[in-house]
Protein backbone atom coordinates (compact mmCIF):
# COMPACT_ATOMS: atom_id res chain seq x y z
CA UNK A 1 125.78 134.40 95.63
CA UNK A 2 122.56 133.58 97.45
CA UNK A 3 121.01 136.03 99.91
CA UNK A 4 118.26 135.58 102.49
CA UNK A 5 116.74 137.76 105.19
CA UNK A 6 116.26 136.72 108.82
CA UNK A 7 113.47 138.58 110.58
CA UNK A 8 115.01 140.25 113.66
CA UNK A 9 113.39 140.16 117.07
CA UNK A 10 115.03 137.11 118.61
CA UNK A 11 117.65 137.40 121.37
CA UNK A 12 119.19 140.63 122.58
CA UNK A 13 120.87 141.30 119.22
CA UNK A 14 117.85 143.40 118.24
CA UNK A 15 118.16 147.01 119.40
CA UNK A 16 114.73 147.64 120.90
CA UNK A 17 115.72 151.05 122.29
CA UNK A 18 116.23 152.51 118.81
CA UNK A 19 113.30 154.88 118.06
CA UNK A 20 112.98 153.25 114.63
CA UNK A 21 112.28 149.86 116.20
CA UNK A 22 108.74 148.56 115.76
CA UNK A 23 106.67 145.56 116.77
CA UNK A 24 107.86 141.98 116.21
CA UNK A 25 104.21 140.82 116.09
CA UNK A 26 102.30 143.32 113.93
CA UNK A 27 101.96 142.11 110.35
CA UNK A 28 103.23 145.42 108.97
CA UNK A 29 106.69 144.61 110.37
CA UNK A 30 106.85 141.25 108.61
CA UNK A 31 105.49 142.79 105.41
CA UNK A 32 108.05 145.61 105.40
CA UNK A 33 111.05 143.31 105.74
CA UNK A 34 109.68 140.77 103.24
CA UNK A 35 108.94 143.43 100.62
CA UNK A 36 112.42 144.87 101.13
CA UNK A 37 114.00 141.43 100.68
CA UNK A 38 112.00 140.85 97.49
CA UNK A 39 112.95 144.29 96.19
CA UNK A 40 116.54 143.21 96.77
CA UNK A 41 115.89 139.95 94.82
CA UNK A 42 116.71 137.80 97.87
CA UNK A 43 116.20 134.04 97.72
CA UNK A 44 114.07 133.76 100.85
CA UNK A 45 112.68 135.32 104.02
CA UNK A 46 113.45 133.37 107.19
CA UNK A 47 111.50 133.17 110.47
CA UNK A 48 112.80 131.66 113.69
CA UNK A 49 110.62 129.92 116.27
CA UNK A 50 110.33 129.74 120.04
CA UNK A 51 108.03 127.27 121.76
CA UNK A 52 108.39 128.70 125.25
CA UNK A 53 109.19 132.11 126.70
CA UNK A 54 112.65 132.23 128.20
CA UNK A 55 113.02 132.54 131.94
CA UNK A 56 115.82 133.91 134.06
CA UNK A 57 115.95 133.45 137.83
CA UNK A 58 112.44 132.01 137.71
CA UNK A 59 110.84 134.94 135.88
CA UNK A 60 110.00 135.65 132.23
CA UNK A 61 113.05 137.31 130.72
CA UNK A 62 111.99 140.63 129.19
CA UNK A 63 115.31 141.99 127.91
CA UNK A 64 114.70 140.38 124.53
CA UNK A 65 111.61 139.27 122.63
CA UNK A 66 108.90 137.81 124.88
CA UNK A 67 106.34 136.95 122.25
CA UNK A 68 106.56 135.31 118.86
CA UNK A 69 103.68 134.40 116.51
CA UNK A 70 103.54 131.04 114.75
CA UNK A 71 105.78 131.09 111.68
CA UNK A 72 103.69 129.31 109.06
CA UNK A 73 100.66 131.47 109.81
CA UNK A 74 102.74 134.60 109.17
CA UNK A 75 104.26 133.16 105.99
CA UNK A 76 100.87 132.21 104.56
CA UNK A 77 99.87 135.86 104.95
CA UNK A 78 103.14 137.03 103.35
CA UNK A 79 102.48 134.76 100.37
CA UNK A 80 99.68 137.16 99.47
CA UNK A 81 101.86 140.29 99.45
CA UNK A 82 104.97 138.87 97.73
CA UNK A 83 105.43 137.22 94.33
CA UNK A 84 108.86 135.55 94.11
CA UNK A 85 110.43 135.60 97.57
CA UNK A 86 110.94 132.23 99.25
CA UNK A 87 109.20 131.79 102.61
CA UNK A 88 111.06 129.75 105.24
CA UNK A 89 109.58 128.67 108.57
CA UNK A 90 111.49 127.21 111.50
CA UNK A 91 109.45 124.30 112.87
CA UNK A 92 110.55 121.89 115.59
CA UNK A 93 110.74 118.21 114.62
CA UNK A 94 110.57 117.14 118.27
CA UNK A 95 107.20 118.63 119.18
CA UNK A 96 105.29 118.22 115.91
CA UNK A 97 104.00 115.29 113.86
CA UNK A 98 104.89 114.49 110.21
CA UNK A 99 101.37 114.35 108.76
CA UNK A 100 100.25 117.63 110.29
CA UNK A 101 103.43 119.57 109.45
CA UNK A 102 103.80 118.11 105.95
CA UNK A 103 100.22 119.23 105.29
CA UNK A 104 100.89 122.79 106.48
CA UNK A 105 104.09 123.07 104.43
CA UNK A 106 102.43 121.64 101.31
CA UNK A 107 99.62 124.14 101.74
CA UNK A 108 102.09 127.05 101.93
CA UNK A 109 103.88 125.74 98.85
CA UNK A 110 100.61 125.67 96.91
CA UNK A 111 99.43 129.08 98.14
CA UNK A 112 102.78 130.69 97.27
CA UNK A 113 103.30 128.95 93.93
CA UNK A 114 106.30 126.93 95.09
CA UNK A 115 108.11 129.16 97.57
CA UNK A 116 107.93 127.20 100.86
CA UNK A 117 110.89 126.10 102.99
CA UNK A 118 111.21 124.31 106.31
CA UNK A 119 114.07 125.00 108.71
CA UNK A 120 114.29 121.77 110.71
CA UNK A 121 115.26 122.23 114.36
CA UNK A 122 115.25 119.78 117.26
CA UNK A 123 114.98 119.96 121.05
CA UNK A 124 115.81 117.74 124.00
CA UNK A 125 114.81 120.51 126.40
CA UNK A 126 112.39 119.37 129.12
CA UNK A 127 111.69 123.04 129.93
CA UNK A 128 110.25 123.55 126.43
CA UNK A 129 108.62 120.15 126.56
CA UNK A 130 106.45 121.17 129.51
CA UNK A 131 104.24 123.00 127.00
CA UNK A 132 103.47 119.65 125.31
CA UNK A 133 101.64 116.52 126.36
CA UNK A 134 104.74 114.33 126.41
CA UNK A 135 106.98 116.89 128.09
CA UNK A 136 110.73 116.51 127.73
CA UNK A 137 110.44 112.90 126.70
CA UNK A 138 113.18 112.85 124.07
CA UNK A 139 116.75 112.04 125.03
CA UNK A 140 119.31 114.38 123.51
CA UNK A 141 120.91 111.46 121.64
CA UNK A 142 117.60 110.76 119.85
CA UNK A 143 116.81 114.23 118.57
CA UNK A 144 118.52 113.86 115.19
CA UNK A 145 117.29 110.29 114.63
CA UNK A 146 113.74 111.54 115.11
CA UNK A 147 114.39 114.55 112.85
CA UNK A 148 115.83 112.37 110.08
CA UNK A 149 112.87 110.00 110.23
CA UNK A 150 110.49 112.99 110.41
CA UNK A 151 111.88 114.49 107.18
CA UNK A 152 111.80 111.09 105.45
CA UNK A 153 108.14 110.60 106.39
CA UNK A 154 107.22 114.11 105.27
CA UNK A 155 108.82 113.47 101.89
CA UNK A 156 106.99 110.17 101.61
CA UNK A 157 103.72 112.03 102.28
CA UNK A 158 104.50 114.68 99.65
CA UNK A 159 105.29 111.91 97.16
CA UNK A 160 102.09 110.00 97.93
CA UNK A 161 100.31 112.03 95.25
CA UNK A 162 101.52 111.44 91.71
CA UNK A 163 102.59 114.46 89.62
CA UNK A 164 99.33 113.88 87.69
CA UNK A 165 97.29 114.40 90.88
CA UNK A 166 96.39 110.83 91.91
CA UNK A 167 96.45 110.10 95.65
CA UNK A 168 97.94 106.84 96.95
CA UNK A 169 97.91 105.32 100.44
CA UNK A 170 100.90 105.97 102.75
CA UNK A 171 102.39 103.44 105.15
CA UNK A 172 105.42 103.94 107.39
CA UNK A 173 106.59 102.09 110.48
CA UNK A 174 109.80 103.23 112.14
CA UNK A 175 111.41 103.95 115.49
CA UNK A 176 109.49 107.19 116.05
CA UNK A 177 106.48 107.09 113.73
CA UNK A 178 103.86 104.54 112.70
CA UNK A 179 101.60 105.94 109.98
CA UNK A 180 98.99 104.38 107.70
CA UNK A 181 96.54 106.52 105.75
CA UNK A 182 96.21 109.02 102.93
CA UNK A 183 97.68 112.48 102.58
CA UNK A 184 95.14 115.25 101.98
CA UNK A 185 97.14 117.72 99.85
CA UNK A 186 98.38 117.18 96.26
CA UNK A 187 102.12 117.06 95.63
CA UNK A 188 103.63 120.53 96.25
CA UNK A 189 104.63 122.67 93.24
CA UNK A 190 108.32 122.24 94.16
CA UNK A 191 107.91 118.49 94.60
CA UNK A 192 109.19 118.94 98.16
CA UNK A 193 109.49 122.27 100.00
CA UNK A 194 113.14 123.27 100.49
CA UNK A 195 114.64 121.80 103.69
CA UNK A 196 116.98 123.98 105.76
CA UNK A 197 119.04 122.79 108.72
CA UNK A 198 120.58 125.04 111.35
CA UNK A 199 123.52 123.75 113.34
CA UNK A 200 127.28 123.46 113.55
CA UNK A 201 127.76 120.25 115.57
CA UNK A 202 129.20 117.15 113.96
CA UNK A 203 125.83 115.38 114.05
CA UNK A 204 124.18 118.51 112.64
CA UNK A 205 126.64 118.62 109.75
CA UNK A 206 126.00 114.95 108.98
CA UNK A 207 122.24 115.47 109.15
CA UNK A 208 122.55 118.39 106.70
CA UNK A 209 124.74 116.40 104.31
CA UNK A 210 122.22 113.55 104.26
CA UNK A 211 118.99 115.53 104.26
CA UNK A 212 119.10 119.31 103.82
CA UNK A 213 119.08 121.64 100.82
CA UNK A 214 120.48 124.60 102.79
CA UNK A 215 122.50 124.78 106.02
CA UNK A 216 122.25 127.88 108.21
CA UNK A 217 125.53 128.24 110.07
CA UNK A 218 127.37 130.67 112.34
CA UNK A 219 130.75 130.74 110.60
CA UNK A 220 131.67 134.40 110.14
CA UNK A 221 135.41 134.50 109.38
CA UNK A 222 136.95 133.52 106.07
CA UNK A 223 139.16 130.84 107.65
CA UNK A 224 136.47 129.11 109.72
CA UNK A 225 134.03 129.42 106.81
CA UNK A 226 136.41 127.69 104.40
CA UNK A 227 137.02 124.87 106.87
CA UNK A 228 133.30 124.39 107.51
CA UNK A 229 132.49 124.56 103.79
CA UNK A 230 135.09 121.93 102.89
CA UNK A 231 134.02 119.62 105.74
CA UNK A 232 130.30 119.70 104.97
CA UNK A 233 130.67 119.50 101.18
CA UNK A 234 132.96 116.45 101.39
CA UNK A 235 130.29 114.58 103.38
CA UNK A 236 127.76 114.78 100.53
CA UNK A 237 129.29 112.08 98.31
CA UNK A 238 128.49 109.25 100.71
CA UNK A 239 124.80 110.11 100.28
CA UNK A 240 125.01 110.22 96.49
CA UNK A 241 124.84 114.01 96.42
CA UNK A 242 126.95 116.66 94.69
CA UNK A 243 128.37 119.88 96.22
CA UNK A 244 125.70 121.91 94.44
CA UNK A 245 122.93 119.98 96.21
CA UNK A 246 123.55 121.76 99.54
CA UNK A 247 123.90 125.53 99.92
CA UNK A 248 125.91 126.81 102.89
CA UNK A 249 124.63 130.18 104.16
CA UNK A 250 126.00 131.66 107.39
CA UNK A 251 123.99 134.18 109.36
CA UNK A 252 125.76 137.54 109.23
CA UNK A 253 125.20 141.17 110.12
CA UNK A 254 126.30 144.23 108.19
CA UNK A 255 127.04 147.79 109.36
CA UNK A 256 127.66 150.46 106.72
CA UNK A 257 129.24 153.89 106.80
CA UNK A 258 130.30 156.52 104.29
CA UNK A 259 133.87 155.76 105.35
CA UNK A 260 135.59 153.06 107.36
CA UNK A 261 135.82 155.10 110.57
CA UNK A 262 132.12 155.96 110.50
CA UNK A 263 131.20 152.30 109.94
CA UNK A 264 133.35 151.20 112.88
CA UNK A 265 131.79 153.81 115.16
CA UNK A 266 128.28 152.78 114.11
CA UNK A 267 129.14 149.14 114.79
CA UNK A 268 130.51 150.01 118.23
CA UNK A 269 127.39 151.99 119.08
CA UNK A 270 125.14 149.12 118.03
CA UNK A 271 127.13 146.77 120.31
CA UNK A 272 126.72 149.21 123.20
CA UNK A 273 122.97 149.27 122.58
CA UNK A 274 122.78 145.49 122.32
CA UNK A 275 124.70 145.01 125.57
CA UNK A 276 122.90 147.31 127.99
CA UNK A 277 124.01 147.30 131.66
CA UNK A 278 121.18 144.86 132.42
CA UNK A 279 122.10 142.59 129.53
CA UNK A 280 125.74 142.61 130.63
CA UNK A 281 124.78 141.25 134.06
CA UNK A 282 122.44 138.72 132.43
CA UNK A 283 125.26 137.45 130.20
CA UNK A 284 127.49 137.15 133.25
CA UNK A 285 124.85 135.25 135.23
CA UNK A 286 124.43 132.80 132.36
CA UNK A 287 128.12 131.92 132.63
CA UNK A 288 128.53 132.05 136.40
CA UNK A 289 125.16 130.40 137.12
CA UNK A 290 124.39 132.55 140.17
CA UNK A 291 122.65 135.82 141.01
CA UNK A 292 125.08 138.67 140.28
CA UNK A 293 122.60 141.54 140.47
CA UNK A 294 124.66 143.20 143.21
CA UNK A 295 127.61 143.63 140.83
CA UNK A 296 128.27 146.91 139.03
CA UNK A 297 128.25 146.47 135.22
CA UNK A 298 130.98 149.09 135.09
CA UNK A 299 133.02 147.24 137.71
CA UNK A 300 135.32 144.20 137.60
CA UNK A 301 134.35 140.59 136.87
CA UNK A 302 133.51 138.27 139.81
CA UNK A 303 136.39 136.44 141.44
CA UNK A 304 134.16 133.49 142.38
CA UNK A 305 134.04 130.41 140.15
CA UNK A 306 130.98 129.51 138.02
CA UNK A 307 128.39 127.06 139.30
CA UNK A 308 127.76 124.46 136.59
CA UNK A 309 124.21 123.25 135.89
CA UNK A 310 122.49 125.75 138.18
CA UNK A 311 119.55 126.19 135.80
CA UNK A 312 119.41 129.94 136.47
CA UNK A 313 118.41 130.48 132.82
CA UNK A 314 115.81 128.34 131.03
CA UNK A 315 115.08 128.19 127.33
CA UNK A 316 118.51 129.20 126.04
CA UNK A 317 121.20 127.13 124.35
CA UNK A 318 123.91 125.92 126.72
CA UNK A 319 127.08 128.01 126.57
CA UNK A 320 129.54 125.08 126.81
CA UNK A 321 132.32 124.84 129.41
CA UNK A 322 131.40 127.76 131.68
CA UNK A 323 134.60 127.52 133.75
CA UNK A 324 136.72 127.82 130.60
CA UNK A 325 134.59 130.73 129.34
CA UNK A 326 134.92 132.51 132.69
CA UNK A 327 138.70 132.11 132.62
CA UNK A 328 138.83 133.44 129.06
CA UNK A 329 136.73 136.45 130.03
CA UNK A 330 138.90 137.14 133.08
CA UNK A 331 142.05 137.03 130.96
CA UNK A 332 140.49 139.37 128.40
CA UNK A 333 139.34 141.77 131.12
CA UNK A 334 142.77 141.81 132.74
CA UNK A 335 144.67 142.22 129.48
CA UNK A 336 142.60 145.19 128.28
CA UNK A 337 141.44 146.63 131.59
CA UNK A 338 137.76 146.03 130.81
CA UNK A 339 134.69 146.28 133.03
CA UNK A 340 131.95 143.64 133.08
CA UNK A 341 129.98 145.40 130.35
CA UNK A 342 133.05 146.11 128.25
CA UNK A 343 134.12 142.46 128.54
CA UNK A 344 130.73 141.17 127.40
CA UNK A 345 130.83 143.58 124.45
CA UNK A 346 134.38 142.53 123.54
CA UNK A 347 133.80 138.79 123.98
CA UNK A 348 130.38 138.61 122.37
CA UNK A 349 129.32 138.36 118.77
CA UNK A 350 130.31 141.24 116.55
CA UNK A 351 128.95 142.55 113.30
CA UNK A 352 130.37 140.32 110.59
CA UNK A 353 130.91 142.90 107.86
CA UNK A 354 131.67 146.53 108.72
CA UNK A 355 132.71 149.18 106.21
CA UNK A 356 131.66 151.23 103.23
CA UNK A 357 129.15 149.68 100.82
CA UNK A 358 131.98 149.12 98.34
CA UNK A 359 134.18 147.37 100.92
CA UNK A 360 131.35 145.20 102.20
CA UNK A 361 130.31 144.17 98.68
CA UNK A 362 133.90 143.21 97.89
CA UNK A 363 134.26 141.18 101.10
CA UNK A 364 130.98 139.33 100.62
CA UNK A 365 131.98 138.40 97.07
CA UNK A 366 135.39 137.25 98.31
CA UNK A 367 133.80 134.84 100.81
CA UNK A 368 131.85 133.16 98.03
CA UNK A 369 134.76 133.19 95.58
CA UNK A 370 137.06 131.60 98.17
CA UNK A 371 134.46 128.90 99.00
CA UNK A 372 133.77 130.01 102.54
CA UNK A 373 130.02 129.85 101.79
CA UNK A 374 127.45 129.91 98.98
CA UNK A 375 125.74 133.04 100.26
CA UNK A 376 124.48 134.75 103.39
CA UNK A 377 121.45 135.07 105.65
CA UNK A 378 121.33 138.71 106.70
CA UNK A 379 120.41 139.22 110.38
CA UNK A 380 119.68 142.93 110.87
CA UNK A 381 119.67 144.54 114.32
CA UNK A 382 116.56 146.62 113.68
CA UNK A 383 112.89 145.64 113.20
CA UNK A 384 111.64 146.04 110.51
CA UNK A 385 113.81 148.51 108.52
CA UNK A 386 117.19 146.92 109.25
CA UNK A 387 117.58 145.59 105.71
CA UNK A 388 116.74 148.79 103.83
CA UNK A 389 120.23 150.25 103.68
CA UNK A 390 121.82 146.98 102.54
CA UNK A 391 119.32 146.57 99.70
CA UNK A 392 119.70 150.20 98.60
CA UNK A 393 123.48 150.50 98.86
CA UNK A 394 125.13 147.07 98.69
CA UNK A 395 122.92 144.98 96.38
CA UNK A 396 123.50 147.28 93.35
CA UNK A 397 127.27 146.98 93.87
CA UNK A 398 127.05 143.18 94.03
CA UNK A 399 125.09 143.26 90.79
CA UNK A 400 127.69 145.50 89.14
CA UNK A 401 130.33 142.93 90.12
CA UNK A 402 128.29 140.13 88.55
CA UNK A 403 128.12 138.49 91.99
CA UNK A 404 124.33 138.65 92.37
CA UNK A 405 121.26 138.37 90.16
CA UNK A 406 119.66 141.36 88.49
CA UNK A 407 116.28 139.66 88.17
CA UNK A 408 114.45 136.54 89.28
CA UNK A 409 114.71 133.94 86.54
CA UNK A 410 112.27 131.45 88.02
CA UNK A 411 109.17 131.40 90.16
CA UNK A 412 110.07 128.83 92.84
CA UNK A 413 112.53 128.90 95.71
CA UNK A 414 114.29 125.86 94.25
CA UNK A 415 114.92 127.81 91.07
CA UNK A 416 116.35 130.75 93.05
CA UNK A 417 118.73 128.40 94.88
CA UNK A 418 119.68 126.43 91.76
CA UNK A 419 118.26 123.21 93.20
CA UNK A 420 116.64 120.59 91.02
CA UNK A 421 113.13 119.35 91.76
CA UNK A 422 113.29 116.02 93.60
CA UNK A 423 112.46 112.95 91.53
CA UNK A 424 109.00 111.60 92.39
CA UNK A 425 109.24 108.40 94.43
CA UNK A 426 105.71 107.09 94.46
């Protein structure tokens, strides 16, 4: 299986109140997690991105991370303190330009000896766009067409130098980009940095099948994972690709215990820390779309109906049909006699794998064996030591099962993932 590490510190899944929690900005935090991932022989280290601080009720929301450094800058520094670990940056295709980003990614690939990856994300959010000259100019329907053209142009730029080191002019004229010039960086060691795509929508799946090397998904059960895996893999043939050309890696969390009961209690405590009384009310306000600060987190859910499109929260992904979600939460609360906070805990995301190291190792291997995924992106709840226990206690068991590598056999991220180097198209 393939394993990657997501740096925690995004959203309220990180437990900031834990005394072991440290900065999400100091380099020592990034270095600790990256060194741990490399010690565990992980494929890559993964950084998210945020281009605007989230707001709630017109104020900066300070119940989760409120500052995030630029990903590629951090990864260039990590290239100097790691040797084999892949380095993946999330960079928005809506608010960047192909020449500039292709240059930065090629530079990271050269500095790291072929370990760079780009997680392509898109945005149609005018709130985020206010930080940029053109604002929220891009219609939602156009975000993937721009992203697809962006990736194609970046690859054309990387291929504009021959493998022998000869630069050639680049020309591209399309719907979103009109470029004529010469690229300034020789072809990257990997040919092209690895392209990752995050998303579960139908258009996201199609974009991944056509373009990506890895897809970062949210499927966490065996059944939904198998369905997602089969759907995405079957789409590859129409683009002349094989199932091995795209690796499916869901983001998951792991909670360990010396026995099953201890693991369950630790998982429950982490959920209680993640959903503080304040965060419970915030989650409720996101669904109901109105100020609910007068409600008791330990009291019942509101009887009023949600207000759709209120814009009470800015900078977060839309939650879908809020009326349907509210009805589901009410039914859950009534069935189990839950308070607001208890309902948010029960209805929200849970740790994906909970148990003893032996049980977790067996379950992870089963997911890969049953074709629910090709591997996992571990999302710990603690910065920066949240991966330590997994590497120390689970990785050796995976190796004993023959489910995970015992050494790096190549130097590049493509070699870790079993991906071939793209054919030069000069």
